[in-house]
Amino acid sequence: MIETRILTEILQATEKWDDWGSLGLIDDDEPCGVHVAVMVEPFLGYILKGRKTIESRFSKPLIAPHQRIAEGDVVLLKAGPVRASFRASSVEFLELDDTERARLARDSSDAICADEAFWQARENKQYATLIGISEVRHLTPIRISKNDRRRWLVLREAAHDSRQLSLL
């Protein structure tokens, strides 16, 4: 399974580099969830500069991270190599209709860094996941064995989550 291989690569990085080790990914009492988010510019830059305070993911089918991420989880940001991370300070799962989409555009555009074209591209989406961004960290870049088209990977779900996957 690709997620197991990638999680092993990530955990090896925590042993090799101090910045990775300080993420707290290895906690025997209650390990946090670990995710990989594939990012594009300008959104990665907005996160690193502190301008973007909510990461949003929209989908038509129910796919990760919807109902798969929890507050306190670590999200690794991949643009080429994995080069940064943040901790989820809040999580909100939404079913979208025109009214909810309009509310999001009105109330969250600044935090998401979304313009009119952003919202138009998501007109047909049925689900949204909003993730509060905190504890942003630049990391020593590492390449991981991800070569599929998924934009989000769940490497490990939080220990307190009843749907936890045992990947170690």
Protein backbone atom coordinates (compact mmCIF):
# COMPACT_ATOMS: atom_id res chain seq x y z
CA MET A 1 0.00 0.00 0.00
CA ILE A 2 1.45 3.36 -1.06
CA GLU A 3 0.33 5.13 2.13
CA THR A 4 2.33 2.70 4.29
CA ARG A 5 5.46 3.25 2.21
CA ILE A 6 5.08 7.04 2.33
CA LEU A 7 4.42 7.05 6.09
CA THR A 8 7.62 5.03 6.57
CA GLU A 9 9.53 7.60 4.47
CA ILE A 10 8.05 10.43 6.57
CA LEU A 11 8.91 8.72 9.87
CA GLN A 12 12.49 8.18 8.63
CA ALA A 13 12.70 11.93 7.95
CA THR A 14 11.71 12.58 11.59
CA GLU A 15 14.80 10.65 12.67
CA LYS A 16 17.10 12.39 10.18
CA TRP A 17 16.15 16.08 10.47
CA ASP A 18 15.38 18.07 13.59
CA ASP A 19 12.68 20.14 11.89
CA TRP A 20 10.82 16.93 10.98
CA GLY A 21 11.38 15.43 14.43
CA SER A 22 9.78 18.45 16.08
CA LEU A 23 6.46 17.79 14.31
CA GLY A 24 5.47 15.29 17.00
CA LEU A 25 4.41 12.57 14.58
CA ILE A 26 5.62 9.81 16.88
CA ASP A 27 3.59 9.86 20.09
CA ASP A 28 2.97 6.46 21.59
CA ASP A 29 0.13 7.75 23.80
CA GLU A 30 -2.02 9.26 21.08
CA PRO A 31 -0.49 9.67 17.63
CA CYS A 32 -1.96 12.45 15.55
CA GLY A 33 -3.36 11.94 12.09
CA VAL A 34 -0.93 12.55 9.24
CA HIS A 35 -1.99 13.74 5.79
CA VAL A 36 -0.32 14.82 2.56
CA ALA A 37 -1.93 17.67 0.64
CA VAL A 38 -0.76 18.29 -2.92
CA MET A 39 -0.50 22.06 -3.31
CA VAL A 40 -0.24 24.48 -6.20
CA GLU A 41 0.78 28.10 -6.33
CA PRO A 42 -0.21 30.64 -5.35
CA PHE A 43 -1.94 28.82 -2.46
CA LEU A 44 1.18 27.20 -0.98
CA GLY A 45 2.85 30.61 -0.88
CA TYR A 46 -0.21 32.13 0.77
CA ILE A 47 -0.04 29.51 3.54
CA LEU A 48 3.70 30.03 4.07
CA LYS A 49 3.22 33.82 4.27
CA GLY A 50 0.33 33.50 6.75
CA ARG A 51 -2.21 35.01 4.37
CA LYS A 52 -4.25 31.82 3.86
CA THR A 53 -5.75 30.69 7.18
CA ILE A 54 -8.18 28.03 5.91
CA GLU A 55 -7.27 25.17 3.59
CA SER A 56 -10.33 24.09 1.61
CA ARG A 57 -10.98 20.93 -0.35
CA PHE A 58 -14.06 20.52 -2.54
CA SER A 59 -15.32 17.37 -4.23
CA LYS A 60 -18.27 15.86 -6.02
CA PRO A 61 -17.91 12.36 -4.53
CA LEU A 62 -17.09 11.79 -0.86
CA ILE A 63 -13.30 11.58 -0.83
CA ALA A 64 -10.52 12.44 1.61
CA PRO A 65 -10.11 14.61 3.53
CA HIS A 66 -13.90 14.75 4.03
CA GLN A 67 -14.66 13.03 7.36
CA ARG A 68 -11.04 11.75 7.49
CA ILE A 69 -9.20 14.64 9.17
CA ALA A 70 -9.46 15.79 12.77
CA GLU A 71 -8.43 18.81 14.77
CA GLY A 72 -4.76 18.44 15.76
CA ASP A 73 -3.78 16.39 12.71
CA VAL A 74 -0.61 17.28 10.81
CA VAL A 75 -0.94 18.16 7.12
CA LEU A 76 2.24 17.87 5.06
CA LEU A 77 2.33 20.20 2.06
CA LYS A 78 3.68 18.72 -1.16
CA ALA A 79 4.65 20.81 -4.16
CA GLY A 80 7.23 18.60 -5.82
CA PRO A 81 8.83 17.45 -2.57
CA VAL A 82 7.10 17.78 0.80
CA ARG A 83 8.37 21.16 1.97
CA ALA A 84 6.09 22.45 4.71
CA SER A 85 3.39 21.48 7.19
CA PHE A 86 0.61 22.85 9.31
CA ARG A 87 -1.54 21.57 12.14
CA ALA A 88 -5.33 21.51 11.75
CA SER A 89 -6.71 23.97 14.30
CA SER A 90 -10.32 23.33 13.28
CA VAL A 91 -12.20 21.15 10.83
CA GLU A 92 -15.60 21.63 9.25
CA PHE A 93 -17.37 19.22 6.87
CA LEU A 94 -20.12 20.66 4.67
CA GLU A 95 -22.69 19.43 2.20
CA LEU A 96 -23.04 22.10 -0.43
CA ASP A 97 -26.02 23.66 -2.11
CA ASP A 98 -26.30 27.10 -3.70
CA THR A 99 -27.11 28.77 -0.37
CA GLU A 100 -24.16 27.17 1.45
CA ARG A 101 -21.77 27.95 -1.41
CA ALA A 102 -22.89 31.61 -1.34
CA ARG A 103 -22.38 31.73 2.44
CA LEU A 104 -18.89 30.29 2.10
CA ALA A 105 -17.98 32.74 -0.65
CA ARG A 106 -19.27 35.63 1.46
CA ASP A 107 -17.79 34.58 4.83
CA SER A 108 -14.61 32.65 3.96
CA SER A 109 -13.17 33.98 0.69
CA ASP A 110 -10.46 36.04 2.40
CA ALA A 111 -9.33 33.17 4.66
CA ILE A 112 -9.34 30.72 1.73
CA CYS A 113 -7.75 33.29 -0.63
CA ALA A 114 -10.53 32.65 -3.13
CA ASP A 115 -11.64 34.90 -5.98
CA GLU A 116 -14.67 34.68 -8.27
CA ALA A 117 -12.92 32.21 -10.61
CA PHE A 118 -12.19 29.94 -7.62
CA TRP A 119 -15.90 29.79 -6.72
CA GLN A 120 -17.00 29.31 -10.33
CA ALA A 121 -14.68 26.30 -10.63
CA ARG A 122 -16.44 24.74 -7.62
CA GLU A 123 -20.06 25.34 -8.69
CA ASN A 124 -20.75 21.64 -9.22
CA LYS A 125 -19.04 20.36 -6.05
CA GLN A 126 -21.23 18.71 -3.42
CA TYR A 127 -18.88 18.51 -0.42
CA ALA A 128 -16.39 20.82 1.23
CA THR A 129 -13.84 20.35 3.97
CA LEU A 130 -12.53 23.48 5.68
CA ILE A 131 -9.35 23.09 7.72
CA GLY A 132 -8.05 25.82 10.02
CA ILE A 133 -4.32 26.39 9.53
CA SER A 134 -2.00 26.78 12.52
CA GLU A 135 1.63 26.06 13.38
CA VAL A 136 2.90 26.46 9.81
CA ARG A 137 6.45 25.13 9.43
CA HIS A 138 8.96 25.17 6.62
CA LEU A 139 10.61 21.73 6.44
CA THR A 140 13.74 20.27 4.92
CA PRO A 141 12.30 19.19 1.55
CA ILE A 142 11.95 15.44 1.06
CA ARG A 143 10.73 13.49 -1.94
CA ILE A 144 8.14 10.80 -1.27
CA SER A 145 6.97 7.82 -3.33
CA LYS A 146 3.69 9.39 -4.40
CA ASN A 147 3.08 9.04 -8.11
CA ASP A 148 -0.70 8.88 -8.43
CA ARG A 149 -3.16 11.69 -9.14
CA ARG A 150 -4.79 11.97 -5.73
CA ARG A 151 -4.58 15.48 -4.29
CA TRP A 152 -4.94 14.28 -0.68
CA LEU A 153 -3.57 11.22 1.11
CA VAL A 154 -4.47 10.01 4.57
CA LEU A 155 -1.29 8.37 5.86
CA ARG A 156 -2.56 7.79 9.40
CA GLU A 157 -5.80 8.68 11.13
CA ALA A 158 -5.72 10.01 14.67
CA ALA A 159 -5.58 7.37 17.42
CA HIS A 160 -8.79 8.66 18.97
CA ASP A 161 -10.65 8.21 15.67
CA SER A 162 -12.71 5.02 15.57
CA ARG A 163 -11.82 4.55 11.88
CA GLN A 164 -8.06 4.49 12.58
CA LEU A 165 -5.92 2.60 10.13
CA SER A 166 -2.95 0.74 11.51
CA LEU A 167 -0.10 1.50 9.14
CA LEU A 168 2.86 0.77 11.38
